[in-house]
Full PDB file with SEQRES, HELIX, SHEET, SSBOND, CRYST1, ORIGX, SCALE, CONECT and MASTER records, all heavy atoms in Angstrom:
SEQRES   1 A   36  ASP HIS PHE LYS ALA VAL ASN ASP ARG PHE GLY HIS SER          
SEQRES   2 A   36  ARG GLY ASP GLU VAL LEU ARG GLN VAL ALA ARG ALA MET          
SEQRES   3 A   36  THR GLU THR ALA ARG GLU GLY ASP LEU VAL                      
HELIX    1 AA1 PHE A    3  PHE A   10  1                                   8    
HELIX    2 AA2 HIS A   12  THR A   29  1                                  18    
CRYST1    1.000    1.000    1.000  90.00  90.00  90.00 P 1           1          
ORIGX1      1.000000  0.000000  0.000000        0.00000                         
ORIGX2      0.000000  1.000000  0.000000        0.00000                         
ORIGX3      0.000000  0.000000  1.000000        0.00000                         
SCALE1      1.000000  0.000000  0.000000        0.00000                         
SCALE2      0.000000  1.000000  0.000000        0.00000                         
SCALE3      0.000000  0.000000  1.000000        0.00000                         
ATOM      1  N   ASP A   1       0.780  -1.215   0.020  1.00  0.00           N  
ATOM      2  CA  ASP A   1       0.018  -0.009  -0.018  1.00  0.00           C  
ATOM      3  C   ASP A   1       0.853   1.277  -0.016  1.00  0.00           C  
ATOM      4  O   ASP A   1       1.845   1.341   0.777  1.00  0.00           O  
ATOM      5  CB  ASP A   1      -0.938  -0.025   1.243  1.00  0.00           C  
ATOM      6  CG  ASP A   1      -1.917  -1.145   1.247  1.00  0.00           C  
ATOM      7  OD1 ASP A   1      -2.403  -1.493   0.124  1.00  0.00           O  
ATOM      8  OD2 ASP A   1      -2.238  -1.655   2.293  1.00  0.00           O  
ATOM      9  N   HIS A   2       0.427   2.232  -0.801  1.00  0.00           N  
ATOM     10  CA  HIS A   2       1.031   3.590  -0.855  1.00  0.00           C  
ATOM     11  C   HIS A   2       2.554   3.488  -1.082  1.00  0.00           C  
ATOM     12  O   HIS A   2       3.303   4.245  -0.493  1.00  0.00           O  
ATOM     13  CB  HIS A   2       0.775   4.312   0.513  1.00  0.00           C  
ATOM     14  CG  HIS A   2      -0.644   4.476   0.731  1.00  0.00           C  
ATOM     15  ND1 HIS A   2      -1.533   5.246   0.003  1.00  0.00           N  
ATOM     16  CD2 HIS A   2      -1.422   3.952   1.783  1.00  0.00           C  
ATOM     17  CE1 HIS A   2      -2.733   5.253   0.528  1.00  0.00           C  
ATOM     18  NE2 HIS A   2      -2.720   4.513   1.582  1.00  0.00           N  
ATOM     19  N   PHE A   3       2.972   2.565  -1.916  1.00  0.00           N  
ATOM     20  CA  PHE A   3       4.443   2.409  -2.059  1.00  0.00           C  
ATOM     21  C   PHE A   3       5.085   3.544  -2.724  1.00  0.00           C  
ATOM     22  O   PHE A   3       6.249   3.894  -2.427  1.00  0.00           O  
ATOM     23  CB  PHE A   3       4.722   1.123  -2.852  1.00  0.00           C  
ATOM     24  CG  PHE A   3       6.180   0.759  -2.960  1.00  0.00           C  
ATOM     25  CD1 PHE A   3       6.846   0.294  -1.877  1.00  0.00           C  
ATOM     26  CD2 PHE A   3       6.851   0.921  -4.182  1.00  0.00           C  
ATOM     27  CE1 PHE A   3       8.183  -0.027  -1.924  1.00  0.00           C  
ATOM     28  CE2 PHE A   3       8.174   0.621  -4.285  1.00  0.00           C  
ATOM     29  CZ  PHE A   3       8.859   0.179  -3.149  1.00  0.00           C  
ATOM     30  N   LYS A   4       4.407   4.241  -3.604  1.00  0.00           N  
ATOM     31  CA  LYS A   4       4.960   5.368  -4.320  1.00  0.00           C  
ATOM     32  C   LYS A   4       5.332   6.460  -3.305  1.00  0.00           C  
ATOM     33  O   LYS A   4       6.349   7.118  -3.381  1.00  0.00           O  
ATOM     34  CB  LYS A   4       4.030   5.911  -5.363  1.00  0.00           C  
ATOM     35  CG  LYS A   4       4.552   7.139  -6.153  1.00  0.00           C  
ATOM     36  CD  LYS A   4       3.528   7.539  -7.235  1.00  0.00           C  
ATOM     37  CE  LYS A   4       4.163   8.690  -8.083  1.00  0.00           C  
ATOM     38  NZ  LYS A   4       4.485   9.889  -7.272  1.00  0.00           N  
ATOM     39  N   ALA A   5       4.413   6.612  -2.303  1.00  0.00           N  
ATOM     40  CA  ALA A   5       4.737   7.613  -1.251  1.00  0.00           C  
ATOM     41  C   ALA A   5       5.991   7.312  -0.472  1.00  0.00           C  
ATOM     42  O   ALA A   5       6.721   8.121  -0.054  1.00  0.00           O  
ATOM     43  CB  ALA A   5       3.532   7.756  -0.279  1.00  0.00           C  
ATOM     44  N   VAL A   6       6.229   5.978  -0.239  1.00  0.00           N  
ATOM     45  CA  VAL A   6       7.424   5.536   0.433  1.00  0.00           C  
ATOM     46  C   VAL A   6       8.696   5.950  -0.329  1.00  0.00           C  
ATOM     47  O   VAL A   6       9.623   6.596   0.207  1.00  0.00           O  
ATOM     48  CB  VAL A   6       7.495   3.991   0.614  1.00  0.00           C  
ATOM     49  CG1 VAL A   6       8.783   3.549   1.277  1.00  0.00           C  
ATOM     50  CG2 VAL A   6       6.360   3.536   1.531  1.00  0.00           C  
ATOM     51  N   ASN A   7       8.705   5.724  -1.655  1.00  0.00           N  
ATOM     52  CA  ASN A   7       9.817   6.089  -2.473  1.00  0.00           C  
ATOM     53  C   ASN A   7       9.940   7.682  -2.541  1.00  0.00           C  
ATOM     54  O   ASN A   7      11.064   8.198  -2.463  1.00  0.00           O  
ATOM     55  CB  ASN A   7       9.640   5.549  -3.924  1.00  0.00           C  
ATOM     56  CG  ASN A   7       9.999   4.153  -4.087  1.00  0.00           C  
ATOM     57  OD1 ASN A   7      10.845   3.655  -3.343  1.00  0.00           O  
ATOM     58  ND2 ASN A   7       9.465   3.470  -5.039  1.00  0.00           N  
ATOM     59  N   ASP A   8       8.803   8.310  -2.601  1.00  0.00           N  
ATOM     60  CA  ASP A   8       8.904   9.841  -2.739  1.00  0.00           C  
ATOM     61  C   ASP A   8       9.435  10.441  -1.480  1.00  0.00           C  
ATOM     62  O   ASP A   8      10.175  11.417  -1.480  1.00  0.00           O  
ATOM     63  CB  ASP A   8       7.497  10.373  -3.071  1.00  0.00           C  
ATOM     64  CG  ASP A   8       7.040  10.018  -4.476  1.00  0.00           C  
ATOM     65  OD1 ASP A   8       7.916   9.592  -5.324  1.00  0.00           O  
ATOM     66  OD2 ASP A   8       5.895  10.163  -4.755  1.00  0.00           O  
ATOM     67  N   ARG A   9       9.000   9.865  -0.382  1.00  0.00           N  
ATOM     68  CA  ARG A   9       9.335  10.555   0.923  1.00  0.00           C  
ATOM     69  C   ARG A   9      10.643  10.037   1.477  1.00  0.00           C  
ATOM     70  O   ARG A   9      11.437  10.867   2.084  1.00  0.00           O  
ATOM     71  CB  ARG A   9       8.225  10.201   1.968  1.00  0.00           C  
ATOM     72  CG  ARG A   9       8.452  10.776   3.341  1.00  0.00           C  
ATOM     73  CD  ARG A   9       7.376  10.480   4.352  1.00  0.00           C  
ATOM     74  NE  ARG A   9       7.682  10.934   5.663  1.00  0.00           N  
ATOM     75  CZ  ARG A   9       7.039  10.588   6.724  1.00  0.00           C  
ATOM     76  NH1 ARG A   9       6.052   9.783   6.649  1.00  0.00           N  
ATOM     77  NH2 ARG A   9       7.422  11.085   7.944  1.00  0.00           N  
ATOM     78  N   PHE A  10      10.977   8.779   1.320  1.00  0.00           N  
ATOM     79  CA  PHE A  10      12.194   8.202   1.942  1.00  0.00           C  
ATOM     80  C   PHE A  10      13.279   7.860   1.000  1.00  0.00           C  
ATOM     81  O   PHE A  10      14.393   7.483   1.430  1.00  0.00           O  
ATOM     82  CB  PHE A  10      11.827   6.967   2.798  1.00  0.00           C  
ATOM     83  CG  PHE A  10      10.877   7.228   3.908  1.00  0.00           C  
ATOM     84  CD1 PHE A  10       9.527   6.945   3.816  1.00  0.00           C  
ATOM     85  CD2 PHE A  10      11.307   7.776   5.078  1.00  0.00           C  
ATOM     86  CE1 PHE A  10       8.642   7.239   4.862  1.00  0.00           C  
ATOM     87  CE2 PHE A  10      10.436   7.998   6.156  1.00  0.00           C  
ATOM     88  CZ  PHE A  10       9.126   7.780   6.026  1.00  0.00           C  
ATOM     89  N   GLY A  11      13.010   7.828  -0.307  1.00  0.00           N  
ATOM     90  CA  GLY A  11      13.979   7.432  -1.297  1.00  0.00           C  
ATOM     91  C   GLY A  11      13.853   5.953  -1.708  1.00  0.00           C  
ATOM     92  O   GLY A  11      13.299   5.146  -1.018  1.00  0.00           O  
ATOM     93  N   HIS A  12      14.441   5.662  -2.884  1.00  0.00           N  
ATOM     94  CA  HIS A  12      14.360   4.372  -3.393  1.00  0.00           C  
ATOM     95  C   HIS A  12      15.094   3.301  -2.601  1.00  0.00           C  
ATOM     96  O   HIS A  12      14.722   2.087  -2.647  1.00  0.00           O  
ATOM     97  CB  HIS A  12      14.785   4.306  -4.933  1.00  0.00           C  
ATOM     98  CG  HIS A  12      13.840   5.075  -5.778  1.00  0.00           C  
ATOM     99  ND1 HIS A  12      12.729   4.480  -6.356  1.00  0.00           N  
ATOM    100  CD2 HIS A  12      13.833   6.334  -6.264  1.00  0.00           C  
ATOM    101  CE1 HIS A  12      12.072   5.354  -7.118  1.00  0.00           C  
ATOM    102  NE2 HIS A  12      12.745   6.494  -7.050  1.00  0.00           N  
ATOM    103  N   SER A  13      16.130   3.631  -1.999  1.00  0.00           N  
ATOM    104  CA  SER A  13      16.818   2.620  -1.119  1.00  0.00           C  
ATOM    105  C   SER A  13      15.943   2.133   0.002  1.00  0.00           C  
ATOM    106  O   SER A  13      15.932   0.940   0.331  1.00  0.00           O  
ATOM    107  CB  SER A  13      18.185   3.169  -0.594  1.00  0.00           C  
ATOM    108  OG  SER A  13      17.914   4.311   0.255  1.00  0.00           O  
ATOM    109  N   ARG A  14      15.165   3.028   0.620  1.00  0.00           N  
ATOM    110  CA  ARG A  14      14.275   2.583   1.657  1.00  0.00           C  
ATOM    111  C   ARG A  14      13.102   1.758   0.958  1.00  0.00           C  
ATOM    112  O   ARG A  14      12.692   0.787   1.581  1.00  0.00           O  
ATOM    113  CB  ARG A  14      13.680   3.831   2.337  1.00  0.00           C  
ATOM    114  CG  ARG A  14      12.614   3.457   3.441  1.00  0.00           C  
ATOM    115  CD  ARG A  14      13.170   2.768   4.696  1.00  0.00           C  
ATOM    116  NE  ARG A  14      13.910   3.696   5.453  1.00  0.00           N  
ATOM    117  CZ  ARG A  14      13.364   4.468   6.395  1.00  0.00           C  
ATOM    118  NH1 ARG A  14      12.108   4.452   6.707  1.00  0.00           N  
ATOM    119  NH2 ARG A  14      14.208   5.253   7.059  1.00  0.00           N  
ATOM    120  N   GLY A  15      12.679   2.230  -0.185  1.00  0.00           N  
ATOM    121  CA  GLY A  15      11.681   1.431  -0.910  1.00  0.00           C  
ATOM    122  C   GLY A  15      12.109  -0.023  -1.183  1.00  0.00           C  
ATOM    123  O   GLY A  15      11.398  -0.934  -0.994  1.00  0.00           O  
ATOM    124  N   ASP A  16      13.384  -0.110  -1.604  1.00  0.00           N  
ATOM    125  CA  ASP A  16      13.929  -1.456  -1.838  1.00  0.00           C  
ATOM    126  C   ASP A  16      14.000  -2.302  -0.567  1.00  0.00           C  
ATOM    127  O   ASP A  16      13.714  -3.537  -0.600  1.00  0.00           O  
ATOM    128  CB  ASP A  16      15.372  -1.328  -2.384  1.00  0.00           C  
ATOM    129  CG  ASP A  16      15.384  -0.895  -3.860  1.00  0.00           C  
ATOM    130  OD1 ASP A  16      14.329  -0.781  -4.437  1.00  0.00           O  
ATOM    131  OD2 ASP A  16      16.510  -0.565  -4.300  1.00  0.00           O  
ATOM    132  N   GLU A  17      14.355  -1.666   0.551  1.00  0.00           N  
ATOM    133  CA  GLU A  17      14.320  -2.416   1.791  1.00  0.00           C  
ATOM    134  C   GLU A  17      12.973  -2.839   2.204  1.00  0.00           C  
ATOM    135  O   GLU A  17      12.754  -3.939   2.744  1.00  0.00           O  
ATOM    136  CB  GLU A  17      14.982  -1.500   2.948  1.00  0.00           C  
ATOM    137  CG  GLU A  17      15.128  -2.189   4.294  1.00  0.00           C  
ATOM    138  CD  GLU A  17      15.911  -3.451   4.265  1.00  0.00           C  
ATOM    139  OE1 GLU A  17      16.800  -3.671   3.381  1.00  0.00           O  
ATOM    140  OE2 GLU A  17      15.709  -4.323   5.100  1.00  0.00           O  
ATOM    141  N   VAL A  18      11.976  -2.043   1.951  1.00  0.00           N  
ATOM    142  CA  VAL A  18      10.559  -2.399   2.292  1.00  0.00           C  
ATOM    143  C   VAL A  18      10.175  -3.614   1.463  1.00  0.00           C  
ATOM    144  O   VAL A  18       9.652  -4.593   1.994  1.00  0.00           O  
ATOM    145  CB  VAL A  18       9.612  -1.260   1.948  1.00  0.00           C  
ATOM    146  CG1 VAL A  18       8.179  -1.751   1.951  1.00  0.00           C  
ATOM    147  CG2 VAL A  18       9.734  -0.137   3.026  1.00  0.00           C  
ATOM    148  N   LEU A  19      10.578  -3.652   0.190  1.00  0.00           N  
ATOM    149  CA  LEU A  19      10.210  -4.774  -0.670  1.00  0.00           C  
ATOM    150  C   LEU A  19      10.983  -6.016  -0.210  1.00  0.00           C  
ATOM    151  O   LEU A  19      10.336  -7.148  -0.252  1.00  0.00           O  
ATOM    152  CB  LEU A  19      10.631  -4.481  -2.192  1.00  0.00           C  
ATOM    153  CG  LEU A  19       9.782  -3.391  -2.847  1.00  0.00           C  
ATOM    154  CD1 LEU A  19      10.281  -3.189  -4.247  1.00  0.00           C  
ATOM    155  CD2 LEU A  19       8.298  -3.798  -2.866  1.00  0.00           C  
ATOM    156  N   ARG A  20      12.192  -5.905   0.200  1.00  0.00           N  
ATOM    157  CA  ARG A  20      12.963  -7.097   0.666  1.00  0.00           C  
ATOM    158  C   ARG A  20      12.300  -7.612   1.959  1.00  0.00           C  
ATOM    159  O   ARG A  20      12.136  -8.860   2.077  1.00  0.00           O  
ATOM    160  CB  ARG A  20      14.398  -6.687   0.960  1.00  0.00           C  
ATOM    161  CG  ARG A  20      15.310  -6.689  -0.318  1.00  0.00           C  
ATOM    162  CD  ARG A  20      16.728  -6.563   0.073  1.00  0.00           C  
ATOM    163  NE  ARG A  20      17.118  -5.312   0.657  1.00  0.00           N  
ATOM    164  CZ  ARG A  20      17.594  -4.246  -0.022  1.00  0.00           C  
ATOM    165  NH1 ARG A  20      17.752  -4.417  -1.401  1.00  0.00           N  
ATOM    166  NH2 ARG A  20      17.869  -3.181   0.539  1.00  0.00           N  
ATOM    167  N   GLN A  21      11.863  -6.777   2.779  1.00  0.00           N  
ATOM    168  CA  GLN A  21      11.290  -7.210   4.086  1.00  0.00           C  
ATOM    169  C   GLN A  21       9.892  -7.827   3.923  1.00  0.00           C  
ATOM    170  O   GLN A  21       9.573  -8.789   4.512  1.00  0.00           O  
ATOM    171  CB  GLN A  21      11.252  -6.077   5.091  1.00  0.00           C  
ATOM    172  CG  GLN A  21      12.631  -5.594   5.591  1.00  0.00           C  
ATOM    173  CD  GLN A  21      13.407  -6.681   6.215  1.00  0.00           C  
ATOM    174  OE1 GLN A  21      12.939  -7.569   6.989  1.00  0.00           O  
ATOM    175  NE2 GLN A  21      14.713  -6.709   5.998  1.00  0.00           N  
ATOM    176  N   VAL A  22       9.106  -7.208   3.016  1.00  0.00           N  
ATOM    177  CA  VAL A  22       7.800  -7.737   2.683  1.00  0.00           C  
ATOM    178  C   VAL A  22       7.979  -9.151   2.075  1.00  0.00           C  
ATOM    179  O   VAL A  22       7.277 -10.083   2.428  1.00  0.00           O  
ATOM    180  CB  VAL A  22       7.024  -6.873   1.744  1.00  0.00           C  
ATOM    181  CG1 VAL A  22       5.738  -7.585   1.119  1.00  0.00           C  
ATOM    182  CG2 VAL A  22       6.591  -5.576   2.438  1.00  0.00           C  
ATOM    183  N   ALA A  23       8.905  -9.305   1.186  1.00  0.00           N  
ATOM    184  CA  ALA A  23       9.178 -10.581   0.493  1.00  0.00           C  
ATOM    185  C   ALA A  23       9.591 -11.660   1.582  1.00  0.00           C  
ATOM    186  O   ALA A  23       9.148 -12.752   1.560  1.00  0.00           O  
ATOM    187  CB  ALA A  23      10.193 -10.477  -0.566  1.00  0.00           C  
ATOM    188  N   ARG A  24      10.527 -11.211   2.516  1.00  0.00           N  
ATOM    189  CA  ARG A  24      10.964 -12.126   3.542  1.00  0.00           C  
ATOM    190  C   ARG A  24       9.799 -12.517   4.439  1.00  0.00           C  
ATOM    191  O   ARG A  24       9.671 -13.726   4.759  1.00  0.00           O  
ATOM    192  CB  ARG A  24      12.049 -11.410   4.399  1.00  0.00           C  
ATOM    193  CG  ARG A  24      12.590 -12.324   5.454  1.00  0.00           C  
ATOM    194  CD  ARG A  24      13.608 -11.597   6.371  1.00  0.00           C  
ATOM    195  NE  ARG A  24      12.942 -10.412   6.951  1.00  0.00           N  
ATOM    196  CZ  ARG A  24      12.214 -10.471   8.017  1.00  0.00           C  
ATOM    197  NH1 ARG A  24      11.982 -11.601   8.623  1.00  0.00           N  
ATOM    198  NH2 ARG A  24      11.687  -9.289   8.554  1.00  0.00           N  
ATOM    199  N   ALA A  25       8.968 -11.581   4.815  1.00  0.00           N  
ATOM    200  CA  ALA A  25       7.798 -11.925   5.697  1.00  0.00           C  
ATOM    201  C   ALA A  25       6.863 -12.970   5.014  1.00  0.00           C  
ATOM    202  O   ALA A  25       6.441 -13.935   5.696  1.00  0.00           O  
ATOM    203  CB  ALA A  25       7.011 -10.645   5.981  1.00  0.00           C  
ATOM    204  N   MET A  26       6.719 -12.837   3.733  1.00  0.00           N  
ATOM    205  CA  MET A  26       5.787 -13.782   3.068  1.00  0.00           C  
ATOM    206  C   MET A  26       6.426 -15.123   2.813  1.00  0.00           C  
ATOM    207  O   MET A  26       5.832 -16.192   3.010  1.00  0.00           O  
ATOM    208  CB  MET A  26       5.292 -13.188   1.776  1.00  0.00           C  
ATOM    209  CG  MET A  26       4.357 -12.017   1.926  1.00  0.00           C  
ATOM    210  SD  MET A  26       3.349 -11.627   0.508  1.00  0.00           S  
ATOM    211  CE  MET A  26       4.620 -11.176  -0.728  1.00  0.00           C  
ATOM    212  N   THR A  27       7.720 -15.100   2.426  1.00  0.00           N  
ATOM    213  CA  THR A  27       8.375 -16.372   2.217  1.00  0.00           C  
ATOM    214  C   THR A  27       8.573 -17.197   3.435  1.00  0.00           C  
ATOM    215  O   THR A  27       8.492 -18.459   3.485  1.00  0.00           O  
ATOM    216  CB  THR A  27       9.730 -16.203   1.468  1.00  0.00           C  
ATOM    217  OG1 THR A  27      10.564 -15.331   2.276  1.00  0.00           O  
ATOM    218  CG2 THR A  27       9.589 -15.688   0.100  1.00  0.00           C  
ATOM    219  N   GLU A  28       8.802 -16.523   4.539  1.00  0.00           N  
ATOM    220  CA  GLU A  28       8.924 -17.205   5.827  1.00  0.00           C  
ATOM    221  C   GLU A  28       7.595 -17.710   6.341  1.00  0.00           C  
ATOM    222  O   GLU A  28       7.529 -18.652   7.111  1.00  0.00           O  
ATOM    223  CB  GLU A  28       9.552 -16.282   6.878  1.00  0.00           C  
ATOM    224  CG  GLU A  28      11.048 -15.993   6.676  1.00  0.00           C  
ATOM    225  CD  GLU A  28      11.679 -15.123   7.669  1.00  0.00           C  
ATOM    226  OE1 GLU A  28      10.951 -14.606   8.520  1.00  0.00           O  
ATOM    227  OE2 GLU A  28      12.902 -14.922   7.606  1.00  0.00           O  
ATOM    228  N   THR A  29       6.532 -17.097   5.968  1.00  0.00           N  
ATOM    229  CA  THR A  29       5.137 -17.424   6.309  1.00  0.00           C  
ATOM    230  C   THR A  29       4.625 -18.607   5.459  1.00  0.00           C  
ATOM    231  O   THR A  29       3.843 -19.476   5.858  1.00  0.00           O  
ATOM    232  CB  THR A  29       4.180 -16.288   6.272  1.00  0.00           C  
ATOM    233  OG1 THR A  29       4.684 -15.274   7.140  1.00  0.00           O  
ATOM    234  CG2 THR A  29       2.781 -16.656   6.802  1.00  0.00           C  
ATOM    235  N   ALA A  30       5.114 -18.646   4.205  1.00  0.00           N  
ATOM    236  CA  ALA A  30       4.613 -19.671   3.220  1.00  0.00           C  
ATOM    237  C   ALA A  30       5.161 -21.023   3.672  1.00  0.00           C  
ATOM    238  O   ALA A  30       6.108 -21.137   4.330  1.00  0.00           O  
ATOM    239  CB  ALA A  30       5.130 -19.282   1.907  1.00  0.00           C  
ATOM    240  N   ARG A  31       4.367 -22.008   3.212  1.00  0.00           N  
ATOM    241  CA  ARG A  31       4.813 -23.408   3.472  1.00  0.00           C  
ATOM    242  C   ARG A  31       5.676 -23.811   2.299  1.00  0.00           C  
ATOM    243  O   ARG A  31       5.669 -23.246   1.241  1.00  0.00           O  
ATOM    244  CB  ARG A  31       3.642 -24.317   3.630  1.00  0.00           C  
ATOM    245  CG  ARG A  31       2.860 -24.495   2.374  1.00  0.00           C  
ATOM    246  CD  ARG A  31       1.762 -25.497   2.331  1.00  0.00           C  
ATOM    247  NE  ARG A  31       1.219 -25.575   0.966  1.00  0.00           N  
ATOM    248  CZ  ARG A  31       0.272 -26.351   0.601  1.00  0.00           C  
ATOM    249  NH1 ARG A  31      -0.267 -27.107   1.481  1.00  0.00           N  
ATOM    250  NH2 ARG A  31      -0.199 -26.391  -0.644  1.00  0.00           N  
ATOM    251  N   GLU A  32       6.387 -24.948   2.466  1.00  0.00           N  
ATOM    252  CA  GLU A  32       7.154 -25.546   1.428  1.00  0.00           C  
ATOM    253  C   GLU A  32       6.225 -25.962   0.318  1.00  0.00           C  
ATOM    254  O   GLU A  32       5.130 -26.555   0.519  1.00  0.00           O  
ATOM    255  CB  GLU A  32       7.931 -26.754   1.888  1.00  0.00           C  
ATOM    256  CG  GLU A  32       8.867 -27.314   0.858  1.00  0.00           C  
ATOM    257  CD  GLU A  32       9.730 -28.458   1.427  1.00  0.00           C  
ATOM    258  OE1 GLU A  32       9.615 -28.729   2.591  1.00  0.00           O  
ATOM    259  OE2 GLU A  32      10.448 -29.147   0.606  1.00  0.00           O  
ATOM    260  N   GLY A  33       6.538 -25.562  -0.947  1.00  0.00           N  
ATOM    261  CA  GLY A  33       5.693 -25.851  -2.099  1.00  0.00           C  
ATOM    262  C   GLY A  33       4.920 -24.697  -2.551  1.00  0.00           C  
ATOM    263  O   GLY A  33       4.464 -24.607  -3.757  1.00  0.00           O  
ATOM    264  N   ASP A  34       4.725 -23.647  -1.674  1.00  0.00           N  
ATOM    265  CA  ASP A  34       4.061 -22.425  -2.159  1.00  0.00           C  
ATOM    266  C   ASP A  34       5.101 -21.625  -2.989  1.00  0.00           C  
ATOM    267  O   ASP A  34       6.257 -21.574  -2.672  1.00  0.00           O  
ATOM    268  CB  ASP A  34       3.568 -21.565  -0.988  1.00  0.00           C  
ATOM    269  CG  ASP A  34       2.497 -22.232  -0.140  1.00  0.00           C  
ATOM    270  OD1 ASP A  34       1.808 -23.151  -0.711  1.00  0.00           O  
ATOM    271  OD2 ASP A  34       2.297 -21.855   1.021  1.00  0.00           O  
ATOM    272  N   LEU A  35       4.603 -20.902  -4.012  1.00  0.00           N  
ATOM    273  CA  LEU A  35       5.455 -20.066  -4.787  1.00  0.00           C  
ATOM    274  C   LEU A  35       5.244 -18.625  -4.602  1.00  0.00           C  
ATOM    275  O   LEU A  35       4.115 -18.178  -4.874  1.00  0.00           O  
ATOM    276  CB  LEU A  35       5.231 -20.402  -6.303  1.00  0.00           C  
ATOM    277  CG  LEU A  35       6.166 -21.475  -6.925  1.00  0.00           C  
ATOM    278  CD1 LEU A  35       5.888 -22.857  -6.267  1.00  0.00           C  
ATOM    279  CD2 LEU A  35       5.955 -21.569  -8.386  1.00  0.00           C  
ATOM    280  N   VAL A  36       6.236 -17.933  -4.133  1.00  0.00           N  
ATOM    281  CA  VAL A  36       6.168 -16.503  -3.929  1.00  0.00           C  
ATOM    282  C   VAL A  36       6.946 -15.836  -5.070  1.00  0.00           C  
ATOM    283  O   VAL A  36       8.168 -16.070  -5.196  1.00  0.00           O  
ATOM    284  CB  VAL A  36       6.689 -16.074  -2.549  1.00  0.00           C  
ATOM    285  CG1 VAL A  36       6.530 -14.568  -2.325  1.00  0.00           C  
ATOM    286  CG2 VAL A  36       5.964 -16.828  -1.433  1.00  0.00           C  
TER     287      VAL A  36                                                      
MASTER        0    0    0    2    0    0    0    6  286    1    0    3          
END                                                                             
């Protein structure tokens, strides 16, 4: 949500970190066999 605002306010490096952490949260929550 509101990802453009994250990039605009905090910069693309923070946006990249948000994407990495969101991906990590989902892959750690997924079971083996799920594709993220």
